[in-house]
Amino acid sequence: MVVALGAVAGSMAFICLDELLPTAREYSTGHLAIYGLIAGMGAMATSLVLLM
């Protein structure tokens, strides 16, 4: 179960970094897209720690 969740998380992180982040940087100003990415990953990590 944990391995499957890790694989899905890795796939989603790859998609974000490879496809969505460059597109978001085109339409945003400054480092707003990167701050959002870091905040989202932090929220997901926090929820995993609190729920397990």
PDB file of N, CA and C in Angstrom:
ATOM      1  N   MET A   1       0.826  -1.191   0.000  1.00  0.00           N
ATOM      2  CA  MET A   1       0.000   0.000   0.000  1.00  0.00           C
ATOM      3  C   MET A   1       0.874   1.261   0.000  1.00  0.00           C
ATOM      4  N   VAL A   2       1.869   1.254   0.861  1.00  0.00           N
ATOM      5  CA  VAL A   2       2.734   2.428   0.963  1.00  0.00           C
ATOM      6  C   VAL A   2       3.540   2.620  -0.317  1.00  0.00           C
ATOM      7  N   VAL A   3       3.958   1.529  -0.917  1.00  0.00           N
ATOM      8  CA  VAL A   3       4.729   1.616  -2.161  1.00  0.00           C
ATOM      9  C   VAL A   3       3.860   2.209  -3.274  1.00  0.00           C
ATOM     10  N   ALA A   4       2.608   1.794  -3.328  1.00  0.00           N
ATOM     11  CA  ALA A   4       1.705   2.331  -4.357  1.00  0.00           C
ATOM     12  C   ALA A   4       1.471   3.818  -4.148  1.00  0.00           C
ATOM     13  N   LEU A   5       1.275   4.235  -2.902  1.00  0.00           N
ATOM     14  CA  LEU A   5       1.090   5.664  -2.621  1.00  0.00           C
ATOM     15  C   LEU A   5       2.344   6.464  -2.968  1.00  0.00           C
ATOM     16  N   GLY A   6       3.518   5.893  -2.706  1.00  0.00           N
ATOM     17  CA  GLY A   6       4.766   6.549  -3.066  1.00  0.00           C
ATOM     18  C   GLY A   6       4.932   6.697  -4.564  1.00  0.00           C
ATOM     19  N   ALA A   7       4.522   5.663  -5.304  1.00  0.00           N
ATOM     20  CA  ALA A   7       4.610   5.726  -6.760  1.00  0.00           C
ATOM     21  C   ALA A   7       3.674   6.788  -7.323  1.00  0.00           C
ATOM     22  N   VAL A   8       2.474   6.848  -6.795  1.00  0.00           N
ATOM     23  CA  VAL A   8       1.518   7.865  -7.251  1.00  0.00           C
ATOM     24  C   VAL A   8       2.022   9.263  -6.898  1.00  0.00           C
ATOM     25  N   ALA A   9       2.546   9.436  -5.704  1.00  0.00           N
ATOM     26  CA  ALA A   9       3.071  10.741  -5.303  1.00  0.00           C
ATOM     27  C   ALA A   9       4.244  11.153  -6.189  1.00  0.00           C
ATOM     28  N   GLY A  10       5.100  10.226  -6.519  1.00  0.00           N
ATOM     29  CA  GLY A  10       6.228  10.531  -7.398  1.00  0.00           C
ATOM     30  C   GLY A  10       5.768  10.909  -8.802  1.00  0.00           C
ATOM     31  N   SER A  11       4.752  10.221  -9.290  1.00  0.00           N
ATOM     32  CA  SER A  11       4.209  10.552 -10.606  1.00  0.00           C
ATOM     33  C   SER A  11       3.601  11.945 -10.625  1.00  0.00           C
ATOM     34  N   MET A  12       2.852  12.273  -9.592  1.00  0.00           N
ATOM     35  CA  MET A  12       2.226  13.595  -9.522  1.00  0.00           C
ATOM     36  C   MET A  12       3.288  14.696  -9.387  1.00  0.00           C
ATOM     37  N   ALA A  13       4.315  14.447  -8.610  1.00  0.00           N
ATOM     38  CA  ALA A  13       5.386  15.435  -8.472  1.00  0.00           C
ATOM     39  C   ALA A  13       6.090  15.645  -9.811  1.00  0.00           C
ATOM     40  N   PHE A  14       6.318  14.572 -10.552  1.00  0.00           N
ATOM     41  CA  PHE A  14       6.956  14.694 -11.863  1.00  0.00           C
ATOM     42  C   PHE A  14       6.089  15.507 -12.817  1.00  0.00           C
ATOM     43  N   ILE A  15       4.785  15.228 -12.833  1.00  0.00           N
ATOM     44  CA  ILE A  15       3.885  15.969 -13.720  1.00  0.00           C
ATOM     45  C   ILE A  15       3.885  17.446 -13.360  1.00  0.00           C
ATOM     46  N   CYS A  16       3.844  17.748 -12.061  1.00  0.00           N
ATOM     47  CA  CYS A  16       3.858  19.156 -11.645  1.00  0.00           C
ATOM     48  C   CYS A  16       5.136  19.856 -12.072  1.00  0.00           C
ATOM     49  N   LEU A  17       6.252  19.218 -11.828  1.00  0.00           N
ATOM     50  CA  LEU A  17       7.530  19.863 -12.119  1.00  0.00           C
ATOM     51  C   LEU A  17       7.814  19.928 -13.616  1.00  0.00           C
ATOM     52  N   ASP A  18       7.362  18.944 -14.362  1.00  0.00           N
ATOM     53  CA  ASP A  18       7.694  18.887 -15.777  1.00  0.00           C
ATOM     54  C   ASP A  18       6.705  19.647 -16.662  1.00  0.00           C
ATOM     55  N   GLU A  19       5.437  19.610 -16.335  1.00  0.00           N
ATOM     56  CA  GLU A  19       4.420  20.208 -17.201  1.00  0.00           C
ATOM     57  C   GLU A  19       3.790  21.474 -16.619  1.00  0.00           C
ATOM     58  N   LEU A  20       3.299  21.384 -15.408  1.00  0.00           N
ATOM     59  CA  LEU A  20       2.510  22.486 -14.863  1.00  0.00           C
ATOM     60  C   LEU A  20       3.351  23.677 -14.406  1.00  0.00           C
ATOM     61  N   LEU A  21       4.499  23.424 -13.814  1.00  0.00           N
ATOM     62  CA  LEU A  21       5.315  24.525 -13.300  1.00  0.00           C
ATOM     63  C   LEU A  21       5.801  25.468 -14.399  1.00  0.00           C
ATOM     64  N   PRO A  22       6.337  24.992 -15.526  1.00  0.00           N
ATOM     65  CA  PRO A  22       6.743  25.935 -16.576  1.00  0.00           C
ATOM     66  C   PRO A  22       5.573  26.761 -17.131  1.00  0.00           C
ATOM     67  N   THR A  23       4.411  26.120 -17.246  1.00  0.00           N
ATOM     68  CA  THR A  23       3.238  26.848 -17.729  1.00  0.00           C
ATOM     69  C   THR A  23       2.809  27.902 -16.723  1.00  0.00           C
ATOM     70  N   ALA A  24       2.826  27.559 -15.446  1.00  0.00           N
ATOM     71  CA  ALA A  24       2.441  28.517 -14.410  1.00  0.00           C
ATOM     72  C   ALA A  24       3.415  29.688 -14.354  1.00  0.00           C
ATOM     73  N   ARG A  25       4.677  29.437 -14.574  1.00  0.00           N
ATOM     74  CA  ARG A  25       5.667  30.520 -14.535  1.00  0.00           C
ATOM     75  C   ARG A  25       5.483  31.499 -15.686  1.00  0.00           C
ATOM     76  N   GLU A  26       4.936  31.026 -16.811  1.00  0.00           N
ATOM     77  CA  GLU A  26       4.687  31.924 -17.945  1.00  0.00           C
ATOM     78  C   GLU A  26       3.619  32.962 -17.608  1.00  0.00           C
ATOM     79  N   TYR A  27       2.630  32.561 -16.819  1.00  0.00           N
ATOM     80  CA  TYR A  27       1.481  33.423 -16.566  1.00  0.00           C
ATOM     81  C   TYR A  27       1.532  34.143 -15.219  1.00  0.00           C
ATOM     82  N   SER A  28       2.497  33.838 -14.370  1.00  0.00           N
ATOM     83  CA  SER A  28       2.557  34.495 -13.059  1.00  0.00           C
ATOM     84  C   SER A  28       3.718  35.488 -13.016  1.00  0.00           C
ATOM     85  N   THR A  29       3.724  36.282 -11.968  1.00  0.00           N
ATOM     86  CA  THR A  29       4.802  37.251 -11.779  1.00  0.00           C
ATOM     87  C   THR A  29       5.683  36.788 -10.627  1.00  0.00           C
ATOM     88  N   GLY A  30       6.961  36.963 -10.774  1.00  0.00           N
ATOM     89  CA  GLY A  30       7.894  36.598  -9.713  1.00  0.00           C
ATOM     90  C   GLY A  30       7.956  35.106  -9.491  1.00  0.00           C
ATOM     91  N   HIS A  31       8.048  34.739  -8.247  1.00  0.00           N
ATOM     92  CA  HIS A  31       8.197  33.334  -7.874  1.00  0.00           C
ATOM     93  C   HIS A  31       6.914  32.772  -7.275  1.00  0.00           C
ATOM     94  N   LEU A  32       5.782  33.318  -7.629  1.00  0.00           N
ATOM     95  CA  LEU A  32       4.512  32.915  -7.043  1.00  0.00           C
ATOM     96  C   LEU A  32       4.206  31.438  -7.320  1.00  0.00           C
ATOM     97  N   ALA A  33       4.489  30.950  -8.504  1.00  0.00           N
ATOM     98  CA  ALA A  33       4.213  29.553  -8.843  1.00  0.00           C
ATOM     99  C   ALA A  33       5.072  28.614  -8.009  1.00  0.00           C
ATOM    100  N   ILE A  34       6.325  28.970  -7.788  1.00  0.00           N
ATOM    101  CA  ILE A  34       7.209  28.123  -6.989  1.00  0.00           C
ATOM    102  C   ILE A  34       6.772  28.124  -5.539  1.00  0.00           C
ATOM    103  N   TYR A  35       6.365  29.285  -5.016  1.00  0.00           N
ATOM    104  CA  TYR A  35       5.872  29.341  -3.635  1.00  0.00           C
ATOM    105  C   TYR A  35       4.619  28.489  -3.477  1.00  0.00           C
ATOM    106  N   GLY A  36       3.748  28.498  -4.460  1.00  0.00           N
ATOM    107  CA  GLY A  36       2.550  27.667  -4.416  1.00  0.00           C
ATOM    108  C   GLY A  36       2.886  26.184  -4.440  1.00  0.00           C
ATOM    109  N   LEU A  37       3.874  25.804  -5.241  1.00  0.00           N
ATOM    110  CA  LEU A  37       4.307  24.415  -5.315  1.00  0.00           C
ATOM    111  C   LEU A  37       4.857  23.956  -3.971  1.00  0.00           C
ATOM    112  N   ILE A  38       5.689  24.783  -3.362  1.00  0.00           N
ATOM    113  CA  ILE A  38       6.273  24.434  -2.068  1.00  0.00           C
ATOM    114  C   ILE A  38       5.190  24.359  -0.991  1.00  0.00           C
ATOM    115  N   ALA A  39       4.254  25.303  -1.006  1.00  0.00           N
ATOM    116  CA  ALA A  39       3.165  25.285  -0.019  1.00  0.00           C
ATOM    117  C   ALA A  39       2.290  24.045  -0.194  1.00  0.00           C
ATOM    118  N   GLY A  40       2.001  23.670  -1.434  1.00  0.00           N
ATOM    119  CA  GLY A  40       1.194  22.481  -1.680  1.00  0.00           C
ATOM    120  C   GLY A  40       1.885  21.210  -1.226  1.00  0.00           C
ATOM    121  N   MET A  41       3.173  21.087  -1.503  1.00  0.00           N
ATOM    122  CA  MET A  41       3.905  19.908  -1.050  1.00  0.00           C
ATOM    123  C   MET A  41       3.993  19.873   0.470  1.00  0.00           C
ATOM    124  N   GLY A  42       4.148  21.035   1.086  1.00  0.00           N
ATOM    125  CA  GLY A  42       4.168  21.091   2.554  1.00  0.00           C
ATOM    126  C   GLY A  42       2.826  20.706   3.154  1.00  0.00           C
ATOM    127  N   ALA A  43       1.739  21.140   2.533  1.00  0.00           N
ATOM    128  CA  ALA A  43       0.402  20.769   3.021  1.00  0.00           C
ATOM    129  C   ALA A  43       0.175  19.277   2.897  1.00  0.00           C
ATOM    130  N   MET A  44       0.616  18.689   1.791  1.00  0.00           N
ATOM    131  CA  MET A  44       0.452  17.251   1.620  1.00  0.00           C
ATOM    132  C   MET A  44       1.310  16.469   2.625  1.00  0.00           C
ATOM    133  N   ALA A  45       2.522  16.912   2.858  1.00  0.00           N
ATOM    134  CA  ALA A  45       3.381  16.236   3.828  1.00  0.00           C
ATOM    135  C   ALA A  45       2.800  16.333   5.227  1.00  0.00           C
ATOM    136  N   THR A  46       2.279  17.502   5.576  1.00  0.00           N
ATOM    137  CA  THR A  46       1.665  17.687   6.892  1.00  0.00           C
ATOM    138  C   THR A  46       0.449  16.791   7.059  1.00  0.00           C
ATOM    139  N   SER A  47      -0.381  16.706   6.031  1.00  0.00           N
ATOM    140  CA  SER A  47      -1.572  15.851   6.137  1.00  0.00           C
ATOM    141  C   SER A  47      -1.182  14.373   6.260  1.00  0.00           C
ATOM    142  N   LEU A  48      -0.123  13.950   5.574  1.00  0.00           N
ATOM    143  CA  LEU A  48       0.321  12.570   5.695  1.00  0.00           C
ATOM    144  C   LEU A  48       0.838  12.276   7.097  1.00  0.00           C
ATOM    145  N   VAL A  49       1.564  13.218   7.671  1.00  0.00           N
ATOM    146  CA  VAL A  49       2.095  13.013   9.026  1.00  0.00           C
ATOM    147  C   VAL A  49       0.955  12.968  10.044  1.00  0.00           C
ATOM    148  N   LEU A  50      -0.040  13.831   9.881  1.00  0.00           N
ATOM    149  CA  LEU A  50      -1.131  13.883  10.836  1.00  0.00           C
ATOM    150  C   LEU A  50      -2.072  12.688  10.719  1.00  0.00           C
ATOM    151  N   LEU A  51      -2.216  12.127   9.529  1.00  0.00           N
ATOM    152  CA  LEU A  51      -3.159  11.032   9.326  1.00  0.00           C
ATOM    153  C   LEU A  51      -2.560   9.646   9.525  1.00  0.00           C
ATOM    154  N   MET A  52      -1.245   9.532   9.620  1.00  0.00           N
ATOM    155  CA  MET A  52      -0.648   8.193   9.801  1.00  0.00           C
ATOM    156  C   MET A  52      -0.143   8.001  11.195  1.00  0.00           C
TER     157      MET A  52
END
